[in-house]
Amino acid sequence: MELPSQQPSTQFLSLEESAKVDAALLSSPEKFLTRLTISSHKLLQHIAQDYNVTIENLTTQQIINWFEQDSKIRREQGIEASFLKW
């Protein structure tokens, strides 16, 4: 799996989605978990696309491998070359 060396900045939660979560009748911890779940879903979609599989067919090992690869790219090429910008 190779990630492109230059990726546009990825926003995992749009302003509209964030506003919808804010408007939901949820506690602060529930809103946090909702945001995390939406963001995780989008990241899993990206990982599945990289492996050319459906999210349902992603394995735990593929997810771990993807994170290891993105981390390696960040260490070796810098944060701008990695998918996750943290």
N, C-alpha and C. Protein backbone atom coordinates (compact mmCIF):
# COMPACT_ATOMS: atom_id res chain seq x y z
N MET A 1 0.84 -1.17 0.00
CA MET A 1 0.00 0.00 0.00
C MET A 1 0.88 1.23 0.00
N GLU A 2 0.66 2.13 -0.94
CA GLU A 2 1.39 3.38 -0.98
C GLU A 2 0.41 4.52 -0.89
N LEU A 3 0.73 5.47 -0.03
CA LEU A 3 -0.09 6.66 0.08
C LEU A 3 0.55 7.75 -0.76
N PRO A 4 -0.24 8.59 -1.39
CA PRO A 4 0.33 9.69 -2.17
C PRO A 4 1.18 10.58 -1.27
N SER A 5 2.26 11.14 -1.83
CA SER A 5 3.16 11.95 -1.02
C SER A 5 2.54 13.29 -0.64
N GLN A 6 1.64 13.80 -1.42
CA GLN A 6 0.98 15.06 -1.09
C GLN A 6 -0.52 14.85 -1.02
N GLN A 7 -1.08 15.09 0.12
CA GLN A 7 -2.52 14.93 0.30
C GLN A 7 -3.12 16.28 0.71
N PRO A 8 -4.29 16.61 0.23
CA PRO A 8 -4.94 17.81 0.74
C PRO A 8 -5.32 17.58 2.20
N SER A 9 -5.40 18.65 2.94
CA SER A 9 -5.77 18.53 4.34
C SER A 9 -7.14 17.87 4.44
N THR A 10 -7.24 16.86 5.27
CA THR A 10 -8.48 16.11 5.40
C THR A 10 -9.20 16.54 6.65
N GLN A 11 -10.46 16.88 6.50
CA GLN A 11 -11.29 17.22 7.64
C GLN A 11 -12.25 16.06 7.83
N PHE A 12 -12.18 15.45 9.01
CA PHE A 12 -12.98 14.27 9.25
C PHE A 12 -14.40 14.58 9.69
N LEU A 13 -14.66 15.80 10.10
CA LEU A 13 -16.01 16.18 10.51
C LEU A 13 -16.29 17.55 9.90
N SER A 14 -17.27 17.60 9.01
CA SER A 14 -17.59 18.87 8.35
C SER A 14 -18.27 19.81 9.36
N LEU A 15 -18.32 21.08 9.01
CA LEU A 15 -18.99 22.06 9.86
C LEU A 15 -20.47 21.72 10.01
N GLU A 16 -21.08 21.25 8.92
CA GLU A 16 -22.50 20.87 8.96
C GLU A 16 -22.70 19.67 9.91
N GLU A 17 -21.83 18.68 9.81
CA GLU A 17 -21.94 17.52 10.70
C GLU A 17 -21.73 17.92 12.15
N SER A 18 -20.77 18.77 12.38
CA SER A 18 -20.49 19.24 13.73
C SER A 18 -21.70 20.00 14.30
N ALA A 19 -22.31 20.82 13.47
CA ALA A 19 -23.49 21.57 13.91
C ALA A 19 -24.65 20.61 14.24
N LYS A 20 -24.79 19.56 13.45
CA LYS A 20 -25.84 18.57 13.72
C LYS A 20 -25.59 17.86 15.06
N VAL A 21 -24.34 17.53 15.32
CA VAL A 21 -24.00 16.90 16.60
C VAL A 21 -24.28 17.87 17.73
N ASP A 22 -23.89 19.12 17.57
CA ASP A 22 -24.14 20.14 18.60
C ASP A 22 -25.62 20.28 18.90
N ALA A 23 -26.47 20.17 17.86
CA ALA A 23 -27.91 20.34 18.03
C ALA A 23 -28.58 19.10 18.62
N ALA A 24 -27.88 17.99 18.61
CA ALA A 24 -28.47 16.74 19.12
C ALA A 24 -28.70 16.82 20.63
N LEU A 25 -29.71 16.13 21.08
CA LEU A 25 -30.03 16.09 22.51
C LEU A 25 -29.14 15.05 23.19
N LEU A 26 -27.86 15.38 23.29
CA LEU A 26 -26.87 14.47 23.86
C LEU A 26 -26.04 15.21 24.90
N SER A 27 -25.50 14.46 25.84
CA SER A 27 -24.58 15.04 26.82
C SER A 27 -23.26 15.33 26.13
N SER A 28 -22.39 16.09 26.77
CA SER A 28 -21.08 16.40 26.19
C SER A 28 -20.27 15.14 25.89
N PRO A 29 -20.20 14.17 26.82
CA PRO A 29 -19.46 12.95 26.49
C PRO A 29 -20.08 12.19 25.30
N GLU A 30 -21.41 12.19 25.20
CA GLU A 30 -22.08 11.53 24.08
C GLU A 30 -21.78 12.25 22.76
N LYS A 31 -21.74 13.58 22.79
CA LYS A 31 -21.40 14.35 21.59
C LYS A 31 -19.97 14.05 21.15
N PHE A 32 -19.05 13.97 22.12
CA PHE A 32 -17.67 13.64 21.80
C PHE A 32 -17.60 12.27 21.12
N LEU A 33 -18.27 11.27 21.69
CA LEU A 33 -18.25 9.93 21.13
C LEU A 33 -18.89 9.90 19.74
N THR A 34 -19.94 10.68 19.55
CA THR A 34 -20.59 10.76 18.24
C THR A 34 -19.63 11.34 17.21
N ARG A 35 -18.93 12.43 17.55
CA ARG A 35 -17.95 13.02 16.64
C ARG A 35 -16.83 12.02 16.31
N LEU A 36 -16.36 11.33 17.34
CA LEU A 36 -15.31 10.34 17.16
C LEU A 36 -15.77 9.21 16.24
N THR A 37 -17.01 8.78 16.41
CA THR A 37 -17.55 7.69 15.59
C THR A 37 -17.69 8.12 14.13
N ILE A 38 -18.18 9.31 13.89
CA ILE A 38 -18.32 9.81 12.52
C ILE A 38 -16.93 9.92 11.87
N SER A 39 -15.98 10.48 12.59
CA SER A 39 -14.62 10.61 12.08
C SER A 39 -13.99 9.25 11.81
N SER A 40 -14.21 8.32 12.71
CA SER A 40 -13.66 6.96 12.55
C SER A 40 -14.25 6.29 11.32
N HIS A 41 -15.53 6.48 11.10
CA HIS A 41 -16.18 5.89 9.92
C HIS A 41 -15.54 6.41 8.64
N LYS A 42 -15.29 7.71 8.58
CA LYS A 42 -14.66 8.30 7.40
C LYS A 42 -13.24 7.77 7.21
N LEU A 43 -12.50 7.61 8.30
CA LEU A 43 -11.15 7.07 8.21
C LEU A 43 -11.18 5.62 7.76
N LEU A 44 -12.12 4.84 8.28
CA LEU A 44 -12.24 3.45 7.84
C LEU A 44 -12.60 3.36 6.36
N GLN A 45 -13.41 4.29 5.87
CA GLN A 45 -13.73 4.32 4.44
C GLN A 45 -12.45 4.54 3.63
N HIS A 46 -11.61 5.44 4.10
CA HIS A 46 -10.35 5.72 3.40
C HIS A 46 -9.43 4.49 3.42
N ILE A 47 -9.30 3.87 4.58
CA ILE A 47 -8.44 2.69 4.71
C ILE A 47 -8.96 1.56 3.80
N ALA A 48 -10.26 1.34 3.81
CA ALA A 48 -10.85 0.30 2.97
C ALA A 48 -10.57 0.59 1.50
N GLN A 49 -10.68 1.83 1.10
CA GLN A 49 -10.41 2.21 -0.28
C GLN A 49 -8.95 1.92 -0.62
N ASP A 50 -8.02 2.24 0.30
CA ASP A 50 -6.60 1.95 0.07
C ASP A 50 -6.36 0.46 -0.16
N TYR A 51 -7.10 -0.38 0.54
CA TYR A 51 -6.95 -1.83 0.41
C TYR A 51 -7.89 -2.42 -0.64
N ASN A 52 -8.72 -1.58 -1.23
CA ASN A 52 -9.67 -2.02 -2.25
C ASN A 52 -10.60 -3.12 -1.72
N VAL A 53 -11.12 -2.88 -0.52
CA VAL A 53 -12.09 -3.79 0.10
C VAL A 53 -13.21 -2.94 0.69
N THR A 54 -14.29 -3.60 1.07
CA THR A 54 -15.35 -2.89 1.78
C THR A 54 -14.94 -2.73 3.24
N ILE A 55 -15.55 -1.78 3.92
CA ILE A 55 -15.27 -1.60 5.35
C ILE A 55 -15.53 -2.90 6.10
N GLU A 56 -16.59 -3.57 5.73
CA GLU A 56 -16.96 -4.82 6.42
C GLU A 56 -15.88 -5.89 6.28
N ASN A 57 -15.10 -5.83 5.22
CA ASN A 57 -14.07 -6.83 4.99
C ASN A 57 -12.68 -6.42 5.48
N LEU A 58 -12.58 -5.22 6.02
CA LEU A 58 -11.29 -4.81 6.61
C LEU A 58 -10.99 -5.70 7.81
N THR A 59 -9.74 -6.07 7.93
CA THR A 59 -9.34 -6.86 9.09
C THR A 59 -8.63 -5.96 10.10
N THR A 60 -8.59 -6.43 11.32
CA THR A 60 -7.86 -5.70 12.35
C THR A 60 -6.41 -5.50 11.91
N GLN A 61 -5.80 -6.52 11.34
CA GLN A 61 -4.40 -6.43 10.92
C GLN A 61 -4.21 -5.39 9.82
N GLN A 62 -5.16 -5.29 8.89
CA GLN A 62 -5.05 -4.27 7.84
C GLN A 62 -5.11 -2.87 8.44
N ILE A 63 -5.97 -2.67 9.41
CA ILE A 63 -6.08 -1.35 10.05
C ILE A 63 -4.77 -1.02 10.76
N ILE A 64 -4.23 -1.99 11.50
CA ILE A 64 -2.96 -1.78 12.19
C ILE A 64 -1.85 -1.48 11.18
N ASN A 65 -1.79 -2.28 10.11
CA ASN A 65 -0.77 -2.07 9.08
C ASN A 65 -0.88 -0.68 8.46
N TRP A 66 -2.11 -0.24 8.22
CA TRP A 66 -2.31 1.07 7.62
C TRP A 66 -1.77 2.17 8.54
N PHE A 67 -2.08 2.07 9.83
CA PHE A 67 -1.59 3.07 10.78
C PHE A 67 -0.06 3.03 10.88
N GLU A 68 0.51 1.83 10.86
CA GLU A 68 1.97 1.71 10.89
C GLU A 68 2.58 2.38 9.66
N GLN A 69 2.00 2.15 8.48
CA GLN A 69 2.51 2.74 7.25
C GLN A 69 2.38 4.25 7.27
N ASP A 70 1.25 4.77 7.71
CA ASP A 70 1.07 6.22 7.76
C ASP A 70 2.05 6.84 8.76
N SER A 71 2.27 6.16 9.87
CA SER A 71 3.23 6.64 10.87
C SER A 71 4.65 6.65 10.30
N LYS A 72 5.00 5.61 9.55
CA LYS A 72 6.32 5.53 8.92
C LYS A 72 6.51 6.67 7.92
N ILE A 73 5.49 6.94 7.13
CA ILE A 73 5.55 8.05 6.16
C ILE A 73 5.76 9.36 6.90
N ARG A 74 5.03 9.56 8.00
CA ARG A 74 5.16 10.79 8.77
C ARG A 74 6.58 10.95 9.31
N ARG A 75 7.15 9.86 9.84
CA ARG A 75 8.51 9.91 10.40
C ARG A 75 9.56 10.16 9.31
N GLU A 76 9.41 9.49 8.18
CA GLU A 76 10.43 9.54 7.14
C GLU A 76 10.28 10.72 6.19
N GLN A 77 9.04 11.14 5.92
CA GLN A 77 8.81 12.18 4.91
C GLN A 77 8.20 13.46 5.46
N GLY A 78 7.79 13.43 6.71
CA GLY A 78 7.18 14.60 7.33
C GLY A 78 5.67 14.51 7.38
N ILE A 79 5.10 15.32 8.24
CA ILE A 79 3.66 15.27 8.50
C ILE A 79 2.83 15.56 7.25
N GLU A 80 3.33 16.42 6.38
CA GLU A 80 2.54 16.77 5.19
C GLU A 80 2.40 15.61 4.22
N ALA A 81 3.32 14.65 4.28
CA ALA A 81 3.26 13.48 3.39
C ALA A 81 2.31 12.41 3.92
N SER A 82 2.02 12.44 5.20
CA SER A 82 1.15 11.42 5.80
C SER A 82 -0.32 11.81 5.60
N PHE A 83 -1.19 10.82 5.76
CA PHE A 83 -2.63 11.09 5.63
C PHE A 83 -3.15 11.78 6.87
N LEU A 84 -2.78 11.25 8.05
CA LEU A 84 -3.22 11.84 9.31
C LEU A 84 -2.27 12.96 9.70
N LYS A 85 -2.82 14.11 9.96
CA LYS A 85 -2.01 15.31 10.25
C LYS A 85 -2.04 15.62 11.73
N TRP A 86 -1.43 14.77 12.55
CA TRP A 86 -1.37 15.07 13.98
C TRP A 86 0.00 14.87 14.52
